[in-house]
C-alpha atoms as a PDB file:
ATOM      1  CA  UNK A   1       0.000   0.000   0.000  1.00  0.00           C
ATOM      2  CA  UNK A   2       1.729   3.138  -1.259  1.00  0.00           C
ATOM      3  CA  UNK A   3       0.323   6.544  -0.359  1.00  0.00           C
ATOM      4  CA  UNK A   4       3.549   8.453  -1.039  1.00  0.00           C
ATOM      5  CA  UNK A   5       2.277   9.292  -4.521  1.00  0.00           C
ATOM      6  CA  UNK A   6      -0.429  11.561  -3.104  1.00  0.00           C
ATOM      7  CA  UNK A   7       0.415  15.254  -2.512  1.00  0.00           C
ATOM      8  CA  UNK A   8       0.842  16.056   1.175  1.00  0.00           C
ATOM      9  CA  UNK A   9       1.604  19.114   3.278  1.00  0.00           C
ATOM     10  CA  UNK A  10       3.750  17.975   6.183  1.00  0.00           C
ATOM     11  CA  UNK A  11       2.460  20.392   8.809  1.00  0.00           C
ATOM     12  CA  UNK A  12       1.678  17.827  11.510  1.00  0.00           C
ATOM     13  CA  UNK A  13       3.847  16.982  14.508  1.00  0.00           C
ATOM     14  CA  UNK A  14       4.157  13.327  13.578  1.00  0.00           C
ATOM     15  CA  UNK A  15       4.494  10.615  14.653  1.00  0.00           C
ATOM     16  CA  UNK A  16       2.450  11.274  17.767  1.00  0.00           C
ATOM     17  CA  UNK A  17       3.469   9.332  20.883  1.00  0.00           C
ATOM     18  CA  UNK A  18       1.849   6.268  22.415  1.00  0.00           C
ATOM     19  CA  UNK A  19       1.727   6.515  26.207  1.00  0.00           C
ATOM     20  CA  UNK A  20       0.520   4.224  29.010  1.00  0.00           C
ATOM     21  CA  UNK A  21      -2.441   5.293  31.138  1.00  0.00           C
ATOM     22  CA  UNK A  22      -1.178   3.543  34.245  1.00  0.00           C
ATOM     23  CA  UNK A  23      -3.396   5.285  36.787  1.00  0.00           C
ATOM     24  CA  UNK A  24      -6.552   4.639  34.781  1.00  0.00           C
ATOM     25  CA  UNK A  25      -5.511   1.031  34.281  1.00  0.00           C
ATOM     26  CA  UNK A  26      -5.049   0.572  38.044  1.00  0.00           C
ATOM     27  CA  UNK A  27      -8.322   2.339  38.813  1.00  0.00           C
ATOM     28  CA  UNK A  28     -10.280   0.116  36.435  1.00  0.00           C
ATOM     29  CA  UNK A  29      -8.264  -2.983  37.405  1.00  0.00           C
ATOM     30  CA  UNK A  30      -7.124  -3.744  33.882  1.00  0.00           C
ATOM     31  CA  UNK A  31      -6.744  -4.191  30.940  1.00  0.00           C
ATOM     32  CA  UNK A  32      -3.573  -2.249  30.135  1.00  0.00           C
ATOM     33  CA  UNK A  33      -4.838   0.987  28.592  1.00  0.00           C
ATOM     34  CA  UNK A  34      -2.639   3.070  26.310  1.00  0.00           C
ATOM     35  CA  UNK A  35      -3.315   6.320  24.462  1.00  0.00           C
ATOM     36  CA  UNK A  36      -2.276   7.389  20.973  1.00  0.00           C
ATOM     37  CA  UNK A  37      -1.807  11.139  21.362  1.00  0.00           C
ATOM     38  CA  UNK A  38      -3.384  12.514  18.209  1.00  0.00           C
ATOM     39  CA  UNK A  39      -4.343  15.509  20.303  1.00  0.00           C
ATOM     40  CA  UNK A  40      -0.681  16.459  19.779  1.00  0.00           C
ATOM     41  CA  UNK A  41      -0.640  16.706  15.979  1.00  0.00           C
ATOM     42  CA  UNK A  42      -0.120  20.470  15.944  1.00  0.00           C
ATOM     43  CA  UNK A  43      -2.028  23.127  13.954  1.00  0.00           C
ATOM     44  CA  UNK A  44      -4.213  25.182  16.287  1.00  0.00           C
ATOM     45  CA  UNK A  45      -4.137  22.894  19.371  1.00  0.00           C
ATOM     46  CA  UNK A  46      -4.014  19.695  17.293  1.00  0.00           C
ATOM     47  CA  UNK A  47      -6.415  16.856  16.669  1.00  0.00           C
ATOM     48  CA  UNK A  48      -7.194  14.153  14.150  1.00  0.00           C
ATOM     49  CA  UNK A  49      -8.096  16.589  11.371  1.00  0.00           C
ATOM     50  CA  UNK A  50      -4.434  17.584  10.970  1.00  0.00           C
ATOM     51  CA  UNK A  51      -3.734  14.214   9.376  1.00  0.00           C
ATOM     52  CA  UNK A  52      -6.658  14.523   6.968  1.00  0.00           C
ATOM     53  CA  UNK A  53      -5.922  18.127   6.080  1.00  0.00           C
ATOM     54  CA  UNK A  54      -2.318  17.378   5.159  1.00  0.00           C
ATOM     55  CA  UNK A  55      -3.710  15.543   2.121  1.00  0.00           C
ATOM     56  CA  UNK A  56      -6.820  17.645   1.493  1.00  0.00           C
ATOM     57  CA  UNK A  57      -5.051  20.986   1.573  1.00  0.00           C
ATOM     58  CA  UNK A  58      -2.244  19.636  -0.596  1.00  0.00           C
ATOM     59  CA  UNK A  59      -4.908  18.859  -3.185  1.00  0.00           C
ATOM     60  CA  UNK A  60      -6.295  22.378  -2.755  1.00  0.00           C
ATOM     61  CA  UNK A  61      -2.814  23.762  -3.356  1.00  0.00           C
ATOM     62  CA  UNK A  62      -2.369  21.581  -6.443  1.00  0.00           C
ATOM     63  CA  UNK A  63      -5.648  22.959  -7.805  1.00  0.00           C
ATOM     64  CA  UNK A  64      -4.416  26.508  -7.130  1.00  0.00           C
ATOM     65  CA  UNK A  65      -7.320  27.288  -4.825  1.00  0.00           C
ATOM     66  CA  UNK A  66      -7.314  30.776  -3.326  1.00  0.00           C
ATOM     67  CA  UNK A  67     -10.082  30.094  -0.793  1.00  0.00           C
ATOM     68  CA  UNK A  68     -11.138  26.951   1.055  1.00  0.00           C
ATOM     69  CA  UNK A  69     -14.626  26.233   2.382  1.00  0.00           C
ATOM     70  CA  UNK A  70     -15.862  23.620   4.810  1.00  0.00           C
ATOM     71  CA  UNK A  71     -18.793  22.845   7.086  1.00  0.00           C
ATOM     72  CA  UNK A  72     -19.269  21.681  10.658  1.00  0.00           C
ATOM     73  CA  UNK A  73     -21.154  22.182  13.897  1.00  0.00           C
ATOM     74  CA  UNK A  74     -20.771  25.370  15.941  1.00  0.00           C
ATOM     75  CA  UNK A  75     -17.857  23.986  17.969  1.00  0.00           C
ATOM     76  CA  UNK A  76     -16.316  22.176  14.999  1.00  0.00           C
ATOM     77  CA  UNK A  77     -12.751  20.965  15.508  1.00  0.00           C
ATOM     78  CA  UNK A  78     -12.462  20.300  11.794  1.00  0.00           C
ATOM     79  CA  UNK A  79     -13.437  23.863  10.860  1.00  0.00           C
ATOM     80  CA  UNK A  80     -10.913  25.273  13.348  1.00  0.00           C
ATOM     81  CA  UNK A  81      -8.054  23.216  11.947  1.00  0.00           C
ATOM     82  CA  UNK A  82      -9.070  23.900   8.346  1.00  0.00           C
ATOM     83  CA  UNK A  83      -8.867  27.659   8.827  1.00  0.00           C
ATOM     84  CA  UNK A  84      -5.521  27.245  10.609  1.00  0.00           C
ATOM     85  CA  UNK A  85      -4.164  25.393   7.568  1.00  0.00           C
ATOM     86  CA  UNK A  86      -5.519  28.104   5.280  1.00  0.00           C
ATOM     87  CA  UNK A  87      -3.851  30.799   7.381  1.00  0.00           C
ATOM     88  CA  UNK A  88      -0.500  29.023   7.193  1.00  0.00           C
ATOM     89  CA  UNK A  89      -0.884  28.546   3.435  1.00  0.00           C
ATOM     90  CA  UNK A  90      -1.729  32.204   2.948  1.00  0.00           C
ATOM     91  CA  UNK A  91      -5.141  31.637   1.399  1.00  0.00           C
ATOM     92  CA  UNK A  92      -8.618  32.703   2.459  1.00  0.00           C
ATOM     93  CA  UNK A  93     -11.140  30.513   4.239  1.00  0.00           C
ATOM     94  CA  UNK A  94     -14.883  30.525   4.752  1.00  0.00           C
ATOM     95  CA  UNK A  95     -16.713  28.159   7.103  1.00  0.00           C
ATOM     96  CA  UNK A  96     -20.389  27.285   7.445  1.00  0.00           C
ATOM     97  CA  UNK A  97     -21.419  26.304  10.974  1.00  0.00           C
ATOM     98  CA  UNK A  98     -24.622  24.412  11.804  1.00  0.00           C
ATOM     99  CA  UNK A  99     -26.372  24.804  15.153  1.00  0.00           C
ATOM    100  CA  UNK A 100     -26.856  21.074  15.777  1.00  0.00           C
ATOM    101  CA  UNK A 101     -27.176  21.184  19.560  1.00  0.00           C
ATOM    102  CA  UNK A 102     -29.387  24.165  20.390  1.00  0.00           C
ATOM    103  CA  UNK A 103     -27.066  25.039  23.284  1.00  0.00           C
ATOM    104  CA  UNK A 104     -27.686  28.722  24.028  1.00  0.00           C
ATOM    105  CA  UNK A 105     -24.663  29.687  26.102  1.00  0.00           C
ATOM    106  CA  UNK A 106     -22.287  32.550  25.413  1.00  0.00           C
ATOM    107  CA  UNK A 107     -19.196  30.354  25.771  1.00  0.00           C
ATOM    108  CA  UNK A 108     -20.603  27.771  23.372  1.00  0.00           C
ATOM    109  CA  UNK A 109     -21.420  30.498  20.855  1.00  0.00           C
ATOM    110  CA  UNK A 110     -18.266  32.595  21.184  1.00  0.00           C
ATOM    111  CA  UNK A 111     -15.504  30.688  23.014  1.00  0.00           C
ATOM    112  CA  UNK A 112     -13.547  27.509  22.310  1.00  0.00           C
ATOM    113  CA  UNK A 113     -13.260  26.628  18.641  1.00  0.00           C
ATOM    114  CA  UNK A 114     -15.360  29.637  17.582  1.00  0.00           C
ATOM    115  CA  UNK A 115     -12.860  32.028  19.169  1.00  0.00           C
ATOM    116  CA  UNK A 116      -9.980  30.248  17.428  1.00  0.00           C
ATOM    117  CA  UNK A 117     -11.844  30.358  14.102  1.00  0.00           C
ATOM    118  CA  UNK A 118     -12.034  34.125  14.441  1.00  0.00           C
ATOM    119  CA  UNK A 119      -8.401  34.462  15.498  1.00  0.00           C
ATOM    120  CA  UNK A 120      -7.322  32.582  12.374  1.00  0.00           C
ATOM    121  CA  UNK A 121      -9.088  35.210  10.273  1.00  0.00           C
ATOM    122  CA  UNK A 122     -11.851  33.191   8.655  1.00  0.00           C
ATOM    123  CA  UNK A 123     -15.331  34.346   7.723  1.00  0.00           C
ATOM    124  CA  UNK A 124     -18.229  32.483   9.342  1.00  0.00           C
ATOM    125  CA  UNK A 125     -21.705  31.726   8.029  1.00  0.00           C
ATOM    126  CA  UNK A 126     -24.215  30.379  10.575  1.00  0.00           C
ATOM    127  CA  UNK A 127     -27.064  27.989   9.761  1.00  0.00           C
ATOM    128  CA  UNK A 128     -29.877  26.388  11.807  1.00  0.00           C
ATOM    129  CA  UNK A 129     -30.075  22.680  12.566  1.00  0.00           C
ATOM    130  CA  UNK A 130     -30.975  20.300   9.744  1.00  0.00           C
ATOM    131  CA  UNK A 131     -29.754  22.641   7.014  1.00  0.00           C
ATOM    132  CA  UNK A 132     -28.472  20.876   3.907  1.00  0.00           C
ATOM    133  CA  UNK A 133     -24.922  21.991   4.606  1.00  0.00           C
ATOM    134  CA  UNK A 134     -23.419  20.555   1.417  1.00  0.00           C
ATOM    135  CA  UNK A 135     -25.919  22.560  -0.640  1.00  0.00           C
ATOM    136  CA  UNK A 136     -25.248  25.667   1.441  1.00  0.00           C
ATOM    137  CA  UNK A 137     -21.506  25.251   0.891  1.00  0.00           C
ATOM    138  CA  UNK A 138     -21.979  24.865  -2.854  1.00  0.00           C
ATOM    139  CA  UNK A 139     -24.058  28.045  -2.895  1.00  0.00           C
ATOM    140  CA  UNK A 140     -21.262  29.886  -1.091  1.00  0.00           C
ATOM    141  CA  UNK A 141     -18.661  28.394  -3.450  1.00  0.00           C
ATOM    142  CA  UNK A 142     -20.663  29.507  -6.492  1.00  0.00           C
ATOM    143  CA  UNK A 143     -20.880  33.013  -5.091  1.00  0.00           C
ATOM    144  CA  UNK A 144     -17.104  33.070  -4.662  1.00  0.00           C
ATOM    145  CA  UNK A 145     -16.607  31.759  -8.210  1.00  0.00           C
ATOM    146  CA  UNK A 146     -18.773  34.587  -9.516  1.00  0.00           C
ATOM    147  CA  UNK A 147     -16.434  36.984  -7.716  1.00  0.00           C
ATOM    148  CA  UNK A 148     -13.417  35.528  -9.514  1.00  0.00           C
ATOM    149  CA  UNK A 149     -12.168  33.133  -6.827  1.00  0.00           C
ATOM    150  CA  UNK A 150     -11.099  29.511  -7.209  1.00  0.00           C
ATOM    151  CA  UNK A 151     -12.660  27.782  -4.175  1.00  0.00           C
ATOM    152  CA  UNK A 152     -11.851  24.326  -2.847  1.00  0.00           C
ATOM    153  CA  UNK A 153     -14.600  22.648  -0.813  1.00  0.00           C
ATOM    154  CA  UNK A 154     -14.054  20.087   1.936  1.00  0.00           C
ATOM    155  CA  UNK A 155     -16.891  17.879   3.243  1.00  0.00           C
ATOM    156  CA  UNK A 156     -17.804  17.693   6.919  1.00  0.00           C
ATOM    157  CA  UNK A 157     -14.942  16.290   8.971  1.00  0.00           C
ATOM    158  CA  UNK A 158     -12.673  16.162   5.944  1.00  0.00           C
ATOM    159  CA  UNK A 159     -14.163  12.729   5.406  1.00  0.00           C
ATOM    160  CA  UNK A 160     -13.653  11.658   1.819  1.00  0.00           C
ATOM    161  CA  UNK A 161     -11.081   9.222   0.370  1.00  0.00           C
ATOM    162  CA  UNK A 162      -8.375  11.906   0.140  1.00  0.00           C
ATOM    163  CA  UNK A 163      -8.880  12.931   3.764  1.00  0.00           C
ATOM    164  CA  UNK A 164      -9.045   9.319   4.939  1.00  0.00           C
ATOM    165  CA  UNK A 165      -5.493   8.827   3.645  1.00  0.00           C
ATOM    166  CA  UNK A 166      -4.359  10.604   6.801  1.00  0.00           C
ATOM    167  CA  UNK A 167      -5.597   7.689   8.872  1.00  0.00           C
ATOM    168  CA  UNK A 168      -4.365   5.052   6.482  1.00  0.00           C
ATOM    169  CA  UNK A 169      -1.001   6.566   7.324  1.00  0.00           C
ATOM    170  CA  UNK A 170      -1.841   6.717  11.043  1.00  0.00           C
ATOM    171  CA  UNK A 171      -2.647   3.008  11.083  1.00  0.00           C
ATOM    172  CA  UNK A 172       0.738   2.140   9.628  1.00  0.00           C
ATOM    173  CA  UNK A 173       2.335   4.513  12.144  1.00  0.00           C
ATOM    174  CA  UNK A 174       0.623   2.699  15.034  1.00  0.00           C
ATOM    175  CA  UNK A 175       1.665  -0.724  13.758  1.00  0.00           C
ATOM    176  CA  UNK A 176       5.279   0.451  13.470  1.00  0.00           C
ATOM    177  CA  UNK A 177       5.224   1.940  16.974  1.00  0.00           C
ATOM    178  CA  UNK A 178       3.656  -1.204  18.423  1.00  0.00           C
ATOM    179  CA  UNK A 179       6.454  -3.266  16.896  1.00  0.00           C
ATOM    180  CA  UNK A 180       9.130  -0.861  18.145  1.00  0.00           C
ATOM    181  CA  UNK A 181       7.638  -0.841  21.662  1.00  0.00           C
ATOM    182  CA  UNK A 182       6.922  -4.596  21.639  1.00  0.00           C
ATOM    183  CA  UNK A 183       3.293  -3.976  22.607  1.00  0.00           C
ATOM    184  CA  UNK A 184       0.804  -6.449  21.121  1.00  0.00           C
ATOM    185  CA  UNK A 185      -2.348  -4.339  20.978  1.00  0.00           C
ATOM    186  CA  UNK A 186      -5.439  -6.516  21.179  1.00  0.00           C
ATOM    187  CA  UNK A 187      -7.888  -3.674  20.453  1.00  0.00           C
ATOM    188  CA  UNK A 188      -7.960  -0.079  19.232  1.00  0.00           C
ATOM    189  CA  UNK A 189     -10.876   2.121  20.373  1.00  0.00           C
ATOM    190  CA  UNK A 190     -11.742   5.611  19.122  1.00  0.00           C
ATOM    191  CA  UNK A 191     -14.573   8.060  18.474  1.00  0.00           C
ATOM    192  CA  UNK A 192     -16.333   7.789  15.124  1.00  0.00           C
ATOM    193  CA  UNK A 193     -18.385  10.636  13.696  1.00  0.00           C
ATOM    194  CA  UNK A 194     -17.991  11.791  10.101  1.00  0.00           C
ATOM    195  CA  UNK A 195     -16.391   8.356   9.348  1.00  0.00           C
ATOM    196  CA  UNK A 196     -13.024   9.440   7.888  1.00  0.00           C
ATOM    197  CA  UNK A 197     -10.873   8.417  10.837  1.00  0.00           C
ATOM    198  CA  UNK A 198     -12.400   4.958  11.152  1.00  0.00           C
ATOM    199  CA  UNK A 199     -12.469   4.374   7.377  1.00  0.00           C
ATOM    200  CA  UNK A 200      -8.811   5.315   7.039  1.00  0.00           C
ATOM    201  CA  UNK A 201      -7.789   3.313  10.095  1.00  0.00           C
ATOM    202  CA  UNK A 202      -9.511   0.114   9.002  1.00  0.00           C
ATOM    203  CA  UNK A 203      -8.041   0.450   5.508  1.00  0.00           C
ATOM    204  CA  UNK A 204      -4.553   0.925   6.931  1.00  0.00           C
ATOM    205  CA  UNK A 205      -4.877  -1.862   9.490  1.00  0.00           C
ATOM    206  CA  UNK A 206      -6.107  -4.272   6.839  1.00  0.00           C
ATOM    207  CA  UNK A 207      -3.414  -3.147   4.428  1.00  0.00           C
ATOM    208  CA  UNK A 208      -0.687  -3.918   6.966  1.00  0.00           C
ATOM    209  CA  UNK A 209      -2.298  -7.262   7.878  1.00  0.00           C
ATOM    210  CA  UNK A 210      -2.093  -6.201  11.529  1.00  0.00           C
ATOM    211  CA  UNK A 211      -5.140  -8.217  12.612  1.00  0.00           C
ATOM    212  CA  UNK A 212      -5.901  -5.627  15.333  1.00  0.00           C
ATOM    213  CA  UNK A 213      -9.682  -5.209  15.829  1.00  0.00           C
ATOM    214  CA  UNK A 214     -10.894  -1.621  15.591  1.00  0.00           C
ATOM    215  CA  UNK A 215     -13.920  -0.370  17.532  1.00  0.00           C
ATOM    216  CA  UNK A 216     -15.545   2.954  16.770  1.00  0.00           C
ATOM    217  CA  UNK A 217     -17.641   4.541  19.515  1.00  0.00           C
ATOM    218  CA  UNK A 218     -20.296   6.539  17.681  1.00  0.00           C
ATOM    219  CA  UNK A 219     -20.905  10.140  18.717  1.00  0.00           C
ATOM    220  CA  UNK A 220     -23.905  10.696  16.481  1.00  0.00           C
ATOM    221  CA  UNK A 221     -25.438   7.931  14.338  1.00  0.00           C
ATOM    222  CA  UNK A 222     -26.962   4.552  15.168  1.00  0.00           C
ATOM    223  CA  UNK A 223     -24.764   1.484  14.813  1.00  0.00           C
ATOM    224  CA  UNK A 224     -26.158   0.201  11.503  1.00  0.00           C
ATOM    225  CA  UNK A 225     -26.093   3.616   9.819  1.00  0.00           C
ATOM    226  CA  UNK A 226     -22.594   4.438  11.038  1.00  0.00           C
ATOM    227  CA  UNK A 227     -21.190   1.066  10.037  1.00  0.00           C
ATOM    228  CA  UNK A 228     -22.611   1.378   6.531  1.00  0.00           C
ATOM    229  CA  UNK A 229     -21.236   4.903   6.158  1.00  0.00           C
ATOM    230  CA  UNK A 230     -17.795   3.858   7.376  1.00  0.00           C
ATOM    231  CA  UNK A 231     -17.753   0.798   5.132  1.00  0.00           C
ATOM    232  CA  UNK A 232     -18.711   2.876   2.102  1.00  0.00           C
ATOM    233  CA  UNK A 233     -15.863   5.327   2.677  1.00  0.00           C
ATOM    234  CA  UNK A 234     -13.370   2.581   3.571  1.00  0.00           C
ATOM    235  CA  UNK A 235     -14.199   0.818   0.301  1.00  0.00           C
ATOM    236  CA  UNK A 236     -13.628   4.024  -1.671  1.00  0.00           C
ATOM    237  CA  UNK A 237     -10.396   4.692   0.205  1.00  0.00           C
ATOM    238  CA  UNK A 238      -9.093   1.181  -0.465  1.00  0.00           C
ATOM    239  CA  UNK A 239      -9.883   1.639  -4.151  1.00  0.00           C
ATOM    240  CA  UNK A 240      -8.017   4.949  -4.155  1.00  0.00           C
ATOM    241  CA  UNK A 241      -4.847   3.196  -2.927  1.00  0.00           C
ATOM    242  CA  UNK A 242      -5.298   0.385  -5.466  1.00  0.00           C
ATOM    243  CA  UNK A 243      -6.425  -2.222  -2.943  1.00  0.00           C
ATOM    244  CA  UNK A 244     -10.001  -3.052  -4.010  1.00  0.00           C
ATOM    245  CA  UNK A 245     -11.887  -5.602  -1.915  1.00  0.00           C
ATOM    246  CA  UNK A 246      -9.432  -5.052   0.946  1.00  0.00           C
ATOM    247  CA  UNK A 247     -12.090  -4.150   3.533  1.00  0.00           C
ATOM    248  CA  UNK A 248     -14.974  -6.478   4.334  1.00  0.00           C
ATOM    249  CA  UNK A 249     -18.252  -5.358   5.860  1.00  0.00           C
ATOM    250  CA  UNK A 250     -17.502  -7.455   8.960  1.00  0.00           C
ATOM    251  CA  UNK A 251     -14.293  -5.456   9.548  1.00  0.00           C
ATOM    252  CA  UNK A 252     -16.307  -2.354  10.426  1.00  0.00           C
ATOM    253  CA  UNK A 253     -17.576  -2.416  14.013  1.00  0.00           C
ATOM    254  CA  UNK A 254     -19.357   0.458  15.752  1.00  0.00           C
ATOM    255  CA  UNK A 255     -20.916   0.761  19.218  1.00  0.00           C
ATOM    256  CA  UNK A 256     -23.606   3.464  19.356  1.00  0.00           C
ATOM    257  CA  UNK A 257     -24.681   2.944  22.962  1.00  0.00           C
ATOM    258  CA  UNK A 258     -22.944   6.101  24.195  1.00  0.00           C
ATOM    259  CA  UNK A 259     -24.408   8.784  21.918  1.00  0.00           C
ATOM    260  CA  UNK A 260     -26.864  10.013  24.560  1.00  0.00           C
ATOM    261  CA  UNK A 261     -29.254  12.798  23.549  1.00  0.00           C
ATOM    262  CA  UNK A 262     -27.359  13.485  20.353  1.00  0.00           C
ATOM    263  CA  UNK A 263     -24.288  14.920  18.692  1.00  0.00           C
ATOM    264  CA  UNK A 264     -22.432  17.512  20.715  1.00  0.00           C
ATOM    265  CA  UNK A 265     -24.452  16.962  23.896  1.00  0.00           C
ATOM    266  CA  UNK A 266     -22.287  15.412  26.630  1.00  0.00           C
ATOM    267  CA  UNK A 267     -23.724  12.591  28.735  1.00  0.00           C
ATOM    268  CA  UNK A 268     -23.086  12.196  32.459  1.00  0.00           C
ATOM    269  CA  UNK A 269     -20.640   9.420  31.563  1.00  0.00           C
ATOM    270  CA  UNK A 270     -18.840  11.798  29.181  1.00  0.00           C
ATOM    271  CA  UNK A 271     -18.378  14.354  31.959  1.00  0.00           C
ATOM    272  CA  UNK A 272     -17.165  11.598  34.311  1.00  0.00           C
ATOM    273  CA  UNK A 273     -14.627  10.406  31.743  1.00  0.00           C
ATOM    274  CA  UNK A 274     -13.316  13.924  31.126  1.00  0.00           C
ATOM    275  CA  UNK A 275     -12.904  14.594  34.844  1.00  0.00           C
ATOM    276  CA  UNK A 276     -11.406  11.162  35.497  1.00  0.00           C
ATOM    277  CA  UNK A 277      -8.702  11.504  32.845  1.00  0.00           C
ATOM    278  CA  UNK A 278      -7.928  15.089  33.802  1.00  0.00           C
ATOM    279  CA  UNK A 279      -7.519  14.207  37.478  1.00  0.00           C
ATOM    280  CA  UNK A 280      -5.837  10.821  37.090  1.00  0.00           C
ATOM    281  CA  UNK A 281      -3.646  11.266  34.033  1.00  0.00           C
ATOM    282  CA  UNK A 282      -3.395  15.016  33.439  1.00  0.00           C
ATOM    283  CA  UNK A 283      -4.973  14.304  30.060  1.00  0.00           C
ATOM    284  CA  UNK A 284      -7.677  16.528  28.563  1.00  0.00           C
ATOM    285  CA  UNK A 285     -10.489  15.004  26.519  1.00  0.00           C
ATOM    286  CA  UNK A 286     -13.216  16.882  24.673  1.00  0.00           C
ATOM    287  CA  UNK A 287     -17.001  16.828  25.272  1.00  0.00           C
ATOM    288  CA  UNK A 288     -18.023  15.828  21.722  1.00  0.00           C
ATOM    289  CA  UNK A 289     -15.679  13.058  20.564  1.00  0.00           C
ATOM    290  CA  UNK A 290     -12.897  11.738  22.788  1.00  0.00           C
ATOM    291  CA  UNK A 291     -14.921  12.202  25.986  1.00  0.00           C
ATOM    292  CA  UNK A 292     -17.789  10.067  24.672  1.00  0.00           C
ATOM    293  CA  UNK A 293     -15.382   7.487  23.279  1.00  0.00           C
ATOM    294  CA  UNK A 294     -13.519   7.227  26.580  1.00  0.00           C
ATOM    295  CA  UNK A 295     -16.839   6.921  28.427  1.00  0.00           C
ATOM    296  CA  UNK A 296     -17.623   3.985  26.168  1.00  0.00           C
ATOM    297  CA  UNK A 297     -14.221   2.405  26.736  1.00  0.00           C
ATOM    298  CA  UNK A 298     -14.522   2.775  30.519  1.00  0.00           C
ATOM    299  CA  UNK A 299     -17.981   1.194  30.491  1.00  0.00           C
ATOM    300  CA  UNK A 300     -16.793  -1.717  28.335  1.00  0.00           C
ATOM    301  CA  UNK A 301     -13.888  -2.318  30.736  1.00  0.00           C
ATOM    302  CA  UNK A 302     -16.262  -2.295  33.685  1.00  0.00           C
ATOM    303  CA  UNK A 303     -18.464  -4.827  31.877  1.00  0.00           C
ATOM    304  CA  UNK A 304     -15.501  -7.162  31.392  1.00  0.00           C
ATOM    305  CA  UNK A 305     -15.457  -6.956  27.589  1.00  0.00           C
ATOM    306  CA  UNK A 306     -11.640  -6.950  27.522  1.00  0.00           C
ATOM    307  CA  UNK A 307      -9.337  -9.510  29.111  1.00  0.00           C
ATOM    308  CA  UNK A 308      -7.385  -8.145  32.036  1.00  0.00           C
ATOM    309  CA  UNK A 309      -3.973  -8.948  30.519  1.00  0.00           C
ATOM    310  CA  UNK A 310      -4.752  -7.371  27.135  1.00  0.00           C
ATOM    311  CA  UNK A 311      -3.327  -4.112  25.776  1.00  0.00           C
ATOM    312  CA  UNK A 312      -6.002  -1.696  24.584  1.00  0.00           C
ATOM    313  CA  UNK A 313      -5.075   1.426  22.634  1.00  0.00           C
ATOM    314  CA  UNK A 314      -7.308   4.501  22.861  1.00  0.00           C
ATOM    315  CA  UNK A 315      -6.921   6.838  19.885  1.00  0.00           C
ATOM    316  CA  UNK A 316      -7.259  10.387  21.223  1.00  0.00           C
ATOM    317  CA  UNK A 317      -8.706  12.431  18.367  1.00  0.00           C
ATOM    318  CA  UNK A 318      -8.140  15.817  20.035  1.00  0.00           C
ATOM    319  CA  UNK A 319     -10.694  18.605  20.290  1.00  0.00           C
ATOM    320  CA  UNK A 320      -9.771  19.888  23.730  1.00  0.00           C
ATOM    321  CA  UNK A 321     -10.256  23.500  22.590  1.00  0.00           C
ATOM    322  CA  UNK A 322     -13.955  22.670  22.625  1.00  0.00           C
ATOM    323  CA  UNK A 323     -13.862  22.346  26.422  1.00  0.00           C
ATOM    324  CA  UNK A 324     -13.937  26.131  26.682  1.00  0.00           C
ATOM    325  CA  UNK A 325     -17.255  26.175  24.844  1.00  0.00           C
ATOM    326  CA  UNK A 326     -18.813  23.735  27.319  1.00  0.00           C
ATOM    327  CA  UNK A 327     -18.102  25.417  30.657  1.00  0.00           C
ATOM    328  CA  UNK A 328     -21.781  25.251  31.674  1.00  0.00           C
ATOM    329  CA  UNK A 329     -21.581  21.436  31.815  1.00  0.00           C
ATOM    330  CA  UNK A 330     -18.840  21.535  34.468  1.00  0.00           C
ATOM    331  CA  UNK A 331     -20.271  24.144  36.842  1.00  0.00           C
END
């Protein structure tokens, strides 16, 4: 599997480290829990979107785009990192934010990722819940074209085959690190939302013949819907890297039991997980993705899903800037 032929901007702080969570492991009485620190990828506080955007923004550069557009929720990590990339590249950006949660709090509306969006110099277009955001983005792109610009549009989460290449690469990085550290990971667990991270990971893990099961903890969609969406993108990604039929439907596994009231709304277990990791490991999770995924992992450990002597790797997808938009949930 060769992804070196695809254009890439090497802005990320890679490889990110793998670290043991010894205090959490002791607290939960096993298994051995490790964390892949993709909250440390760089570019405006880091996160998983750095890996995707290295490929997406390289394509934008190759197409000589002078403005990049993308969509997300109000506290979108992806939007924040996209506009940071655009700032570094010296091109304009325009983001369309959807009010998916209905949270009416000044910090949610103006702090966290929204504040960073503004600091990076983007322009912001706000939309109500259930807007067809792809159509809204195309409308904005057409307006920019009529003004003489050459826009490049990125789907929600940077989740298309080009973006997923970032996590094909991450999977090979993890396998290499596991070999170097002599850690036989029995499971990898992470948050799954717009599908790009999980699709890229499963493609990379299958391509390296690692045989490490991957579990996505859904932060939005029901299990069947999320699995189908991930499988569809993984199939397209595998085709892009000339490995058709690499991923089977049974390779894609999602647990949607920890979504709660919906996307972007933390559950009590999410808040517990965030506080637990902050106080036990000095590690910050976010309320939308990694907090929900860690809540799921903790619950699965408590239910005895993993063997006590196994090594379980938690992929931290970043997003901690979003904490500052959710202060009302911690007061």
